[in-house]
N, C-alpha and C. Protein backbone atom coordinates (compact mmCIF):
# COMPACT_ATOMS: atom_id res chain seq x y z
N PHE A 1 1.02 -7.14 -12.03
CA PHE A 1 -0.19 -7.86 -11.71
C PHE A 1 -1.25 -6.88 -11.22
N LEU A 2 -2.47 -7.05 -11.70
CA LEU A 2 -3.57 -6.21 -11.25
C LEU A 2 -4.07 -6.66 -9.88
N LEU A 3 -4.12 -7.96 -9.67
CA LEU A 3 -4.44 -8.55 -8.37
C LEU A 3 -3.38 -9.60 -8.09
N THR A 4 -2.94 -9.69 -6.85
CA THR A 4 -1.94 -10.69 -6.51
C THR A 4 -2.10 -11.14 -5.07
N PRO A 5 -2.05 -12.46 -4.84
CA PRO A 5 -2.11 -12.98 -3.48
C PRO A 5 -0.83 -12.70 -2.71
N GLN A 6 -0.87 -12.96 -1.43
CA GLN A 6 0.31 -12.84 -0.59
C GLN A 6 1.33 -13.89 -1.03
N PRO A 7 2.62 -13.65 -0.80
CA PRO A 7 3.64 -14.66 -1.13
C PRO A 7 3.37 -15.97 -0.38
N CYS A 8 3.91 -17.06 -0.91
CA CYS A 8 3.72 -18.38 -0.32
C CYS A 8 4.55 -18.56 0.94
N ASP A 9 4.03 -19.36 1.82
CA ASP A 9 4.74 -19.81 3.01
C ASP A 9 5.74 -20.88 2.57
N ARG A 10 6.91 -20.87 3.11
CA ARG A 10 7.95 -21.83 2.71
C ARG A 10 7.62 -23.27 3.08
N SER A 11 6.61 -23.47 3.91
CA SER A 11 6.25 -24.83 4.31
C SER A 11 5.35 -25.53 3.29
N LEU A 12 4.95 -24.84 2.24
CA LEU A 12 4.07 -25.44 1.23
C LEU A 12 4.79 -26.50 0.42
N THR A 13 4.05 -27.53 0.09
CA THR A 13 4.56 -28.59 -0.77
C THR A 13 4.15 -28.34 -2.21
N LEU A 14 2.92 -27.87 -2.41
CA LEU A 14 2.36 -27.76 -3.76
C LEU A 14 1.66 -26.42 -3.95
N LEU A 15 2.05 -25.72 -5.01
CA LEU A 15 1.31 -24.55 -5.48
C LEU A 15 0.50 -25.03 -6.68
N LEU A 16 -0.81 -24.95 -6.58
CA LEU A 16 -1.70 -25.39 -7.63
C LEU A 16 -2.28 -24.16 -8.33
N MET A 17 -1.88 -23.95 -9.59
CA MET A 17 -2.35 -22.81 -10.38
C MET A 17 -3.44 -23.30 -11.34
N VAL A 18 -4.57 -22.60 -11.33
CA VAL A 18 -5.70 -22.98 -12.16
C VAL A 18 -6.05 -21.81 -13.08
N SER A 19 -5.99 -22.03 -14.40
CA SER A 19 -6.42 -21.00 -15.36
C SER A 19 -7.93 -20.85 -15.23
N SER A 20 -8.38 -19.60 -15.17
CA SER A 20 -9.79 -19.34 -14.98
C SER A 20 -10.20 -18.09 -15.75
N GLY A 21 -11.42 -18.09 -16.24
CA GLY A 21 -11.96 -16.91 -16.89
C GLY A 21 -12.39 -15.88 -15.87
N PRO A 22 -12.33 -14.60 -16.21
CA PRO A 22 -12.66 -13.55 -15.25
C PRO A 22 -14.06 -13.67 -14.63
N LEU A 23 -15.02 -14.22 -15.37
CA LEU A 23 -16.40 -14.29 -14.87
C LEU A 23 -16.76 -15.66 -14.29
N ASN A 24 -15.79 -16.55 -14.15
CA ASN A 24 -16.08 -17.93 -13.74
C ASN A 24 -15.97 -18.14 -12.23
N GLN A 25 -16.65 -17.30 -11.48
CA GLN A 25 -16.60 -17.37 -10.02
C GLN A 25 -17.14 -18.70 -9.49
N GLU A 26 -18.17 -19.24 -10.13
CA GLU A 26 -18.75 -20.51 -9.68
C GLU A 26 -17.72 -21.65 -9.77
N ASN A 27 -17.00 -21.73 -10.87
CA ASN A 27 -15.96 -22.76 -11.01
C ASN A 27 -14.86 -22.58 -9.96
N ARG A 28 -14.46 -21.34 -9.72
CA ARG A 28 -13.43 -21.11 -8.70
C ARG A 28 -13.93 -21.53 -7.33
N GLY A 29 -15.21 -21.31 -7.07
CA GLY A 29 -15.79 -21.74 -5.80
C GLY A 29 -15.74 -23.24 -5.61
N ARG A 30 -16.00 -23.99 -6.69
CA ARG A 30 -15.90 -25.45 -6.60
C ARG A 30 -14.46 -25.89 -6.32
N TRP A 31 -13.51 -25.25 -6.98
CA TRP A 31 -12.10 -25.57 -6.71
C TRP A 31 -11.75 -25.30 -5.25
N ARG A 32 -12.21 -24.18 -4.73
CA ARG A 32 -11.90 -23.84 -3.34
C ARG A 32 -12.43 -24.91 -2.39
N ILE A 33 -13.63 -25.38 -2.63
CA ILE A 33 -14.22 -26.42 -1.79
C ILE A 33 -13.42 -27.71 -1.89
N ASP A 34 -13.04 -28.10 -3.11
CA ASP A 34 -12.32 -29.35 -3.31
C ASP A 34 -10.90 -29.33 -2.73
N VAL A 35 -10.27 -28.18 -2.68
CA VAL A 35 -8.89 -28.10 -2.21
C VAL A 35 -8.83 -27.75 -0.72
N GLU A 36 -9.89 -27.22 -0.18
CA GLU A 36 -9.92 -26.80 1.22
C GLU A 36 -9.49 -27.93 2.15
N GLY A 37 -8.63 -27.59 3.08
CA GLY A 37 -8.18 -28.55 4.09
C GLY A 37 -7.04 -29.45 3.66
N ARG A 38 -6.55 -29.31 2.43
CA ARG A 38 -5.42 -30.14 1.99
C ARG A 38 -4.13 -29.52 2.50
N GLU A 39 -3.52 -30.20 3.41
CA GLU A 39 -2.31 -29.70 4.04
C GLU A 39 -1.18 -29.56 3.03
N GLY A 40 -0.49 -28.43 3.07
CA GLY A 40 0.66 -28.20 2.21
C GLY A 40 0.32 -27.78 0.80
N VAL A 41 -0.96 -27.52 0.50
CA VAL A 41 -1.39 -27.15 -0.85
C VAL A 41 -1.95 -25.73 -0.83
N ARG A 42 -1.50 -24.94 -1.79
CA ARG A 42 -2.05 -23.59 -1.96
C ARG A 42 -2.62 -23.48 -3.36
N LEU A 43 -3.82 -22.94 -3.44
CA LEU A 43 -4.54 -22.78 -4.69
C LEU A 43 -4.55 -21.32 -5.10
N VAL A 44 -4.18 -21.05 -6.36
CA VAL A 44 -4.32 -19.70 -6.92
C VAL A 44 -4.94 -19.83 -8.30
N PHE A 45 -5.66 -18.79 -8.69
CA PHE A 45 -6.31 -18.76 -9.99
C PHE A 45 -5.63 -17.73 -10.88
N LEU A 46 -5.32 -18.14 -12.11
CA LEU A 46 -4.72 -17.25 -13.10
C LEU A 46 -5.83 -16.67 -13.94
N VAL A 47 -6.01 -15.35 -13.84
CA VAL A 47 -7.15 -14.69 -14.47
C VAL A 47 -6.66 -13.52 -15.31
N ALA A 48 -7.24 -13.36 -16.50
CA ALA A 48 -6.90 -12.24 -17.38
C ALA A 48 -7.72 -11.00 -16.98
N GLU A 49 -7.46 -9.94 -17.68
CA GLU A 49 -8.15 -8.67 -17.41
C GLU A 49 -9.64 -8.79 -17.73
N THR A 50 -10.45 -8.12 -16.94
CA THR A 50 -11.89 -8.10 -17.18
C THR A 50 -12.22 -7.11 -18.29
N VAL A 51 -13.43 -7.23 -18.84
CA VAL A 51 -13.85 -6.35 -19.93
C VAL A 51 -14.49 -5.07 -19.40
N THR A 52 -15.30 -5.19 -18.36
CA THR A 52 -16.02 -4.02 -17.84
C THR A 52 -15.55 -3.66 -16.44
N GLU A 53 -15.84 -2.44 -16.03
CA GLU A 53 -15.50 -2.00 -14.68
C GLU A 53 -16.30 -2.75 -13.63
N SER A 54 -17.56 -3.09 -13.93
CA SER A 54 -18.37 -3.84 -12.96
C SER A 54 -17.81 -5.25 -12.78
N ASP A 55 -17.32 -5.88 -13.86
CA ASP A 55 -16.69 -7.19 -13.75
C ASP A 55 -15.40 -7.09 -12.93
N ALA A 56 -14.66 -6.02 -13.14
CA ALA A 56 -13.42 -5.80 -12.37
C ALA A 56 -13.74 -5.65 -10.89
N ALA A 57 -14.82 -4.96 -10.58
CA ALA A 57 -15.22 -4.78 -9.18
C ALA A 57 -15.61 -6.11 -8.55
N LEU A 58 -16.36 -6.94 -9.29
CA LEU A 58 -16.74 -8.26 -8.78
C LEU A 58 -15.51 -9.14 -8.52
N LEU A 59 -14.58 -9.13 -9.46
CA LEU A 59 -13.37 -9.91 -9.30
C LEU A 59 -12.53 -9.38 -8.12
N GLY A 60 -12.47 -8.07 -8.00
CA GLY A 60 -11.75 -7.47 -6.89
C GLY A 60 -12.36 -7.84 -5.54
N ASP A 61 -13.69 -7.87 -5.47
CA ASP A 61 -14.38 -8.28 -4.24
C ASP A 61 -14.08 -9.74 -3.91
N GLU A 62 -14.09 -10.58 -4.94
CA GLU A 62 -13.78 -12.00 -4.74
C GLU A 62 -12.35 -12.17 -4.23
N HIS A 63 -11.42 -11.43 -4.82
CA HIS A 63 -10.02 -11.51 -4.38
C HIS A 63 -9.88 -10.99 -2.94
N ALA A 64 -10.61 -9.93 -2.60
CA ALA A 64 -10.55 -9.40 -1.24
C ALA A 64 -11.05 -10.44 -0.23
N GLU A 65 -12.03 -11.24 -0.64
CA GLU A 65 -12.57 -12.27 0.26
C GLU A 65 -11.65 -13.48 0.37
N TYR A 66 -11.10 -13.94 -0.75
CA TYR A 66 -10.34 -15.20 -0.76
C TYR A 66 -8.83 -15.02 -0.89
N GLY A 67 -8.38 -13.94 -1.50
CA GLY A 67 -6.94 -13.68 -1.63
C GLY A 67 -6.19 -14.69 -2.48
N ASP A 68 -6.86 -15.24 -3.51
CA ASP A 68 -6.23 -16.31 -4.29
C ASP A 68 -6.24 -16.08 -5.80
N ILE A 69 -6.36 -14.82 -6.21
CA ILE A 69 -6.43 -14.52 -7.64
C ILE A 69 -5.17 -13.78 -8.08
N VAL A 70 -4.53 -14.32 -9.12
CA VAL A 70 -3.40 -13.66 -9.77
C VAL A 70 -3.95 -13.14 -11.09
N GLN A 71 -4.11 -11.83 -11.19
CA GLN A 71 -4.70 -11.25 -12.40
C GLN A 71 -3.66 -10.46 -13.18
N SER A 72 -3.63 -10.73 -14.48
CA SER A 72 -2.73 -10.01 -15.37
C SER A 72 -3.49 -8.90 -16.09
N SER A 73 -2.74 -8.07 -16.77
CA SER A 73 -3.36 -7.00 -17.58
C SER A 73 -3.59 -7.46 -19.02
N LEU A 74 -3.43 -8.75 -19.29
CA LEU A 74 -3.67 -9.30 -20.62
C LEU A 74 -5.16 -9.49 -20.86
N ALA A 75 -5.60 -9.25 -22.08
CA ALA A 75 -6.99 -9.52 -22.44
C ALA A 75 -7.20 -11.03 -22.42
N ASP A 76 -8.42 -11.45 -22.06
CA ASP A 76 -8.74 -12.88 -22.00
C ASP A 76 -8.94 -13.44 -23.40
N GLY A 77 -8.67 -14.71 -23.58
CA GLY A 77 -8.88 -15.37 -24.86
C GLY A 77 -8.00 -16.60 -24.99
N HIS A 78 -8.52 -17.63 -25.67
CA HIS A 78 -7.78 -18.89 -25.76
C HIS A 78 -6.45 -18.73 -26.50
N ARG A 79 -6.35 -17.77 -27.39
CA ARG A 79 -5.08 -17.57 -28.11
C ARG A 79 -4.02 -16.89 -27.23
N ARG A 80 -4.43 -16.42 -26.08
CA ARG A 80 -3.50 -15.78 -25.15
C ARG A 80 -3.23 -16.65 -23.92
N LEU A 81 -3.74 -17.87 -23.93
CA LEU A 81 -3.60 -18.75 -22.78
C LEU A 81 -2.13 -18.98 -22.40
N GLY A 82 -1.28 -19.13 -23.39
CA GLY A 82 0.14 -19.33 -23.10
C GLY A 82 0.74 -18.19 -22.30
N TYR A 83 0.31 -16.96 -22.60
CA TYR A 83 0.80 -15.80 -21.85
C TYR A 83 0.29 -15.83 -20.41
N LYS A 84 -0.97 -16.26 -20.24
CA LYS A 84 -1.53 -16.35 -18.89
C LYS A 84 -0.77 -17.39 -18.08
N ILE A 85 -0.46 -18.52 -18.70
CA ILE A 85 0.29 -19.58 -18.02
C ILE A 85 1.69 -19.08 -17.66
N LEU A 86 2.35 -18.42 -18.59
CA LEU A 86 3.67 -17.86 -18.32
C LEU A 86 3.60 -16.86 -17.18
N MET A 87 2.57 -16.02 -17.18
CA MET A 87 2.38 -15.06 -16.09
C MET A 87 2.28 -15.79 -14.75
N GLY A 88 1.59 -16.92 -14.74
CA GLY A 88 1.46 -17.70 -13.52
C GLY A 88 2.80 -18.22 -13.03
N TYR A 89 3.60 -18.72 -13.95
CA TYR A 89 4.92 -19.21 -13.55
C TYR A 89 5.84 -18.07 -13.11
N VAL A 90 5.72 -16.91 -13.71
CA VAL A 90 6.49 -15.74 -13.25
C VAL A 90 6.07 -15.38 -11.83
N TRP A 91 4.75 -15.36 -11.58
CA TRP A 91 4.26 -15.07 -10.24
C TRP A 91 4.79 -16.11 -9.25
N ALA A 92 4.72 -17.39 -9.64
CA ALA A 92 5.19 -18.46 -8.76
C ALA A 92 6.68 -18.30 -8.45
N HIS A 93 7.46 -17.95 -9.45
CA HIS A 93 8.91 -17.79 -9.26
C HIS A 93 9.22 -16.61 -8.34
N THR A 94 8.47 -15.53 -8.47
CA THR A 94 8.78 -14.34 -7.67
C THR A 94 8.12 -14.36 -6.29
N ARG A 95 7.01 -15.07 -6.13
CA ARG A 95 6.27 -15.04 -4.87
C ARG A 95 6.25 -16.36 -4.11
N CYS A 96 6.68 -17.44 -4.76
CA CYS A 96 6.58 -18.77 -4.13
C CYS A 96 7.82 -19.61 -4.42
N ALA A 97 8.98 -19.00 -4.37
CA ALA A 97 10.21 -19.69 -4.75
C ALA A 97 10.53 -20.89 -3.86
N GLY A 98 10.03 -20.94 -2.64
CA GLY A 98 10.34 -22.03 -1.73
C GLY A 98 9.44 -23.24 -1.86
N VAL A 99 8.42 -23.19 -2.72
CA VAL A 99 7.48 -24.29 -2.88
C VAL A 99 8.16 -25.44 -3.62
N GLU A 100 7.96 -26.67 -3.14
CA GLU A 100 8.61 -27.82 -3.74
C GLU A 100 8.06 -28.17 -5.12
N TYR A 101 6.74 -28.13 -5.28
CA TYR A 101 6.11 -28.48 -6.56
C TYR A 101 5.16 -27.38 -6.99
N THR A 102 5.09 -27.17 -8.30
CA THR A 102 4.14 -26.26 -8.91
C THR A 102 3.37 -27.05 -9.96
N ALA A 103 2.04 -26.98 -9.89
CA ALA A 103 1.19 -27.66 -10.87
C ALA A 103 0.28 -26.64 -11.52
N LYS A 104 -0.02 -26.85 -12.78
CA LYS A 104 -0.89 -25.95 -13.54
C LYS A 104 -1.97 -26.79 -14.20
N THR A 105 -3.22 -26.37 -14.06
CA THR A 105 -4.33 -27.05 -14.71
C THR A 105 -5.36 -26.02 -15.13
N VAL A 106 -6.45 -26.47 -15.71
CA VAL A 106 -7.53 -25.59 -16.13
C VAL A 106 -8.73 -25.82 -15.23
N GLU A 107 -9.60 -24.84 -15.13
CA GLU A 107 -10.69 -24.92 -14.17
C GLU A 107 -11.68 -26.04 -14.45
N GLN A 108 -11.77 -26.51 -15.68
CA GLN A 108 -12.70 -27.58 -16.01
C GLN A 108 -12.20 -28.94 -15.55
N CYS A 109 -10.93 -29.07 -15.25
CA CYS A 109 -10.35 -30.33 -14.80
C CYS A 109 -10.34 -30.36 -13.28
N GLY A 110 -10.91 -31.38 -12.71
CA GLY A 110 -10.81 -31.54 -11.27
C GLY A 110 -12.03 -31.08 -10.53
N ALA A 111 -12.12 -29.83 -10.18
CA ALA A 111 -13.17 -29.36 -9.29
C ALA A 111 -14.55 -29.64 -9.84
N GLY A 112 -15.36 -30.26 -9.01
CA GLY A 112 -16.73 -30.55 -9.40
C GLY A 112 -16.86 -31.71 -10.36
N HIS A 113 -15.75 -32.38 -10.71
CA HIS A 113 -15.80 -33.51 -11.64
C HIS A 113 -15.54 -34.83 -10.94
N GLY A 114 -15.70 -34.86 -9.64
CA GLY A 114 -15.49 -36.10 -8.91
C GLY A 114 -15.00 -35.80 -7.50
N GLN A 115 -14.93 -36.84 -6.71
CA GLN A 115 -14.49 -36.69 -5.33
C GLN A 115 -12.98 -36.65 -5.27
N ALA A 116 -12.47 -35.94 -4.30
CA ALA A 116 -11.02 -35.92 -4.09
C ALA A 116 -10.57 -37.32 -3.71
N ASP A 117 -9.45 -37.74 -4.22
CA ASP A 117 -8.93 -39.07 -3.90
C ASP A 117 -8.66 -39.19 -2.41
N GLN A 118 -8.93 -40.36 -1.88
CA GLN A 118 -8.69 -40.62 -0.47
C GLN A 118 -7.48 -41.54 -0.28
N HIS A 119 -6.74 -41.83 -1.36
CA HIS A 119 -5.62 -42.75 -1.29
C HIS A 119 -4.41 -42.09 -0.62
N PRO A 120 -3.70 -42.83 0.22
CA PRO A 120 -2.46 -42.27 0.78
C PRO A 120 -1.41 -42.14 -0.31
N GLN A 121 -0.37 -41.40 -0.02
CA GLN A 121 0.68 -41.19 -1.01
C GLN A 121 1.23 -42.52 -1.49
N GLY A 122 1.50 -42.58 -2.80
CA GLY A 122 2.07 -43.77 -3.39
C GLY A 122 1.03 -44.71 -3.98
N GLU A 123 -0.23 -44.63 -3.54
CA GLU A 123 -1.29 -45.47 -4.09
C GLU A 123 -2.12 -44.65 -5.06
N GLU A 124 -2.30 -45.16 -6.24
CA GLU A 124 -3.10 -44.47 -7.25
C GLU A 124 -2.57 -43.06 -7.52
N GLY A 125 -1.29 -42.86 -7.35
CA GLY A 125 -0.71 -41.54 -7.54
C GLY A 125 0.03 -41.43 -8.85
N ASP A 126 0.75 -40.34 -9.01
CA ASP A 126 1.52 -40.15 -10.23
C ASP A 126 2.90 -40.79 -10.06
N GLN A 127 3.77 -40.60 -11.06
CA GLN A 127 5.05 -41.27 -11.03
C GLN A 127 5.96 -40.79 -9.90
N GLN A 128 5.70 -39.63 -9.29
CA GLN A 128 6.51 -39.18 -8.17
C GLN A 128 5.98 -39.72 -6.84
N GLY A 129 4.90 -40.53 -6.88
CA GLY A 129 4.34 -41.07 -5.65
C GLY A 129 3.39 -40.11 -4.96
N LEU A 130 3.07 -38.98 -5.61
CA LEU A 130 2.14 -38.03 -5.03
C LEU A 130 0.73 -38.39 -5.48
N PRO A 131 -0.25 -38.30 -4.57
CA PRO A 131 -1.60 -38.70 -4.95
C PRO A 131 -2.22 -37.75 -5.96
N ARG A 132 -3.09 -38.29 -6.80
CA ARG A 132 -3.87 -37.43 -7.68
C ARG A 132 -4.75 -36.56 -6.81
N LEU A 133 -5.04 -35.36 -7.28
CA LEU A 133 -5.91 -34.49 -6.49
C LEU A 133 -7.37 -34.81 -6.69
N PHE A 134 -7.77 -35.20 -7.88
CA PHE A 134 -9.18 -35.41 -8.17
C PHE A 134 -9.35 -36.60 -9.09
N SER A 135 -10.49 -37.29 -8.94
CA SER A 135 -10.77 -38.44 -9.77
C SER A 135 -12.27 -38.66 -9.80
N PRO A 136 -12.89 -39.07 -10.88
CA PRO A 136 -12.28 -39.22 -12.19
C PRO A 136 -12.23 -37.90 -12.93
N GLN A 137 -11.38 -37.81 -13.92
CA GLN A 137 -11.24 -36.60 -14.72
C GLN A 137 -12.03 -36.75 -16.01
N PRO A 138 -12.54 -35.66 -16.56
CA PRO A 138 -13.09 -35.74 -17.91
C PRO A 138 -11.99 -36.21 -18.86
N GLN A 139 -12.36 -36.81 -19.97
CA GLN A 139 -11.37 -37.39 -20.88
C GLN A 139 -10.31 -36.38 -21.31
N TYR A 140 -10.70 -35.11 -21.55
CA TYR A 140 -9.72 -34.15 -22.03
C TYR A 140 -8.73 -33.73 -20.97
N CYS A 141 -8.89 -34.18 -19.74
CA CYS A 141 -7.95 -33.85 -18.67
C CYS A 141 -6.94 -34.97 -18.43
N HIS A 142 -7.06 -36.06 -19.14
CA HIS A 142 -6.19 -37.20 -18.92
C HIS A 142 -4.77 -36.89 -19.38
N ARG A 143 -3.78 -37.35 -18.64
CA ARG A 143 -2.39 -37.06 -18.94
C ARG A 143 -1.96 -37.50 -20.33
N LYS A 144 -2.57 -38.54 -20.86
CA LYS A 144 -2.17 -39.03 -22.17
C LYS A 144 -2.69 -38.15 -23.29
N ILE A 145 -3.60 -37.24 -22.99
CA ILE A 145 -4.20 -36.41 -24.04
C ILE A 145 -3.59 -35.01 -24.07
N LEU A 146 -3.40 -34.41 -22.91
CA LEU A 146 -2.86 -33.05 -22.84
C LEU A 146 -1.42 -33.06 -22.34
N PRO A 147 -0.67 -32.04 -22.70
CA PRO A 147 0.70 -31.92 -22.15
C PRO A 147 0.66 -31.87 -20.63
N ALA A 148 1.72 -32.27 -20.01
CA ALA A 148 1.79 -32.36 -18.56
C ALA A 148 1.40 -31.06 -17.88
N THR A 149 1.76 -29.91 -18.45
CA THR A 149 1.46 -28.65 -17.78
C THR A 149 -0.03 -28.36 -17.75
N HIS A 150 -0.81 -29.00 -18.60
CA HIS A 150 -2.26 -28.81 -18.58
C HIS A 150 -2.97 -29.91 -17.81
N ALA A 151 -2.31 -31.01 -17.57
CA ALA A 151 -2.97 -32.16 -16.94
C ALA A 151 -2.66 -32.28 -15.46
N GLY A 152 -2.03 -31.28 -14.88
CA GLY A 152 -1.75 -31.32 -13.46
C GLY A 152 -0.48 -32.08 -13.11
N GLN A 153 0.39 -32.32 -14.06
CA GLN A 153 1.65 -33.00 -13.80
C GLN A 153 2.45 -32.18 -12.80
N LEU A 154 3.01 -32.82 -11.82
CA LEU A 154 3.80 -32.12 -10.82
C LEU A 154 5.25 -32.05 -11.28
N GLU A 155 5.81 -30.88 -11.17
CA GLU A 155 7.20 -30.69 -11.54
C GLU A 155 7.91 -29.98 -10.40
N PRO A 156 9.13 -30.41 -10.03
CA PRO A 156 9.85 -29.70 -8.99
C PRO A 156 10.04 -28.24 -9.36
N HIS A 157 9.81 -27.36 -8.40
CA HIS A 157 9.98 -25.93 -8.63
C HIS A 157 11.46 -25.60 -8.44
N ARG A 158 12.02 -24.97 -9.40
CA ARG A 158 13.43 -24.58 -9.31
C ARG A 158 13.49 -23.05 -9.22
N GLY A 159 13.67 -22.56 -8.02
CA GLY A 159 13.66 -21.12 -7.76
C GLY A 159 14.83 -20.43 -8.19
């Protein structure tokens, strides 16, 4: 990993991994605001290698400030998204083995697309009784359209 956050605390319930482009600092900022203060949730961004040294410096500064970027040495691109996702799960397995749930989504789903749900657990939640993180979602973020790993489906983490 070119950049990596600190390992997870064992008290976490949910590790939320968000695929993000190297230059998409504004989107990451919206996610940080939307997830801030959620007890038991840790947010990390899966980011590919930058193209220029100045972009690398900006990303490095952002990581130094927030400590939430997992960066691989893979070139960015939609045809390499599967590798970025796999890299995220490898990071989660090696650095966050004690987390109960791991969720993966894309930066366009959730942050900045609506208010965080205020429902207690079990109401308006998913099939495990866990509340949705954000509502409403753009149509392409709906669980019936994308595979669970892209729609924020929660899966028990098996370390």
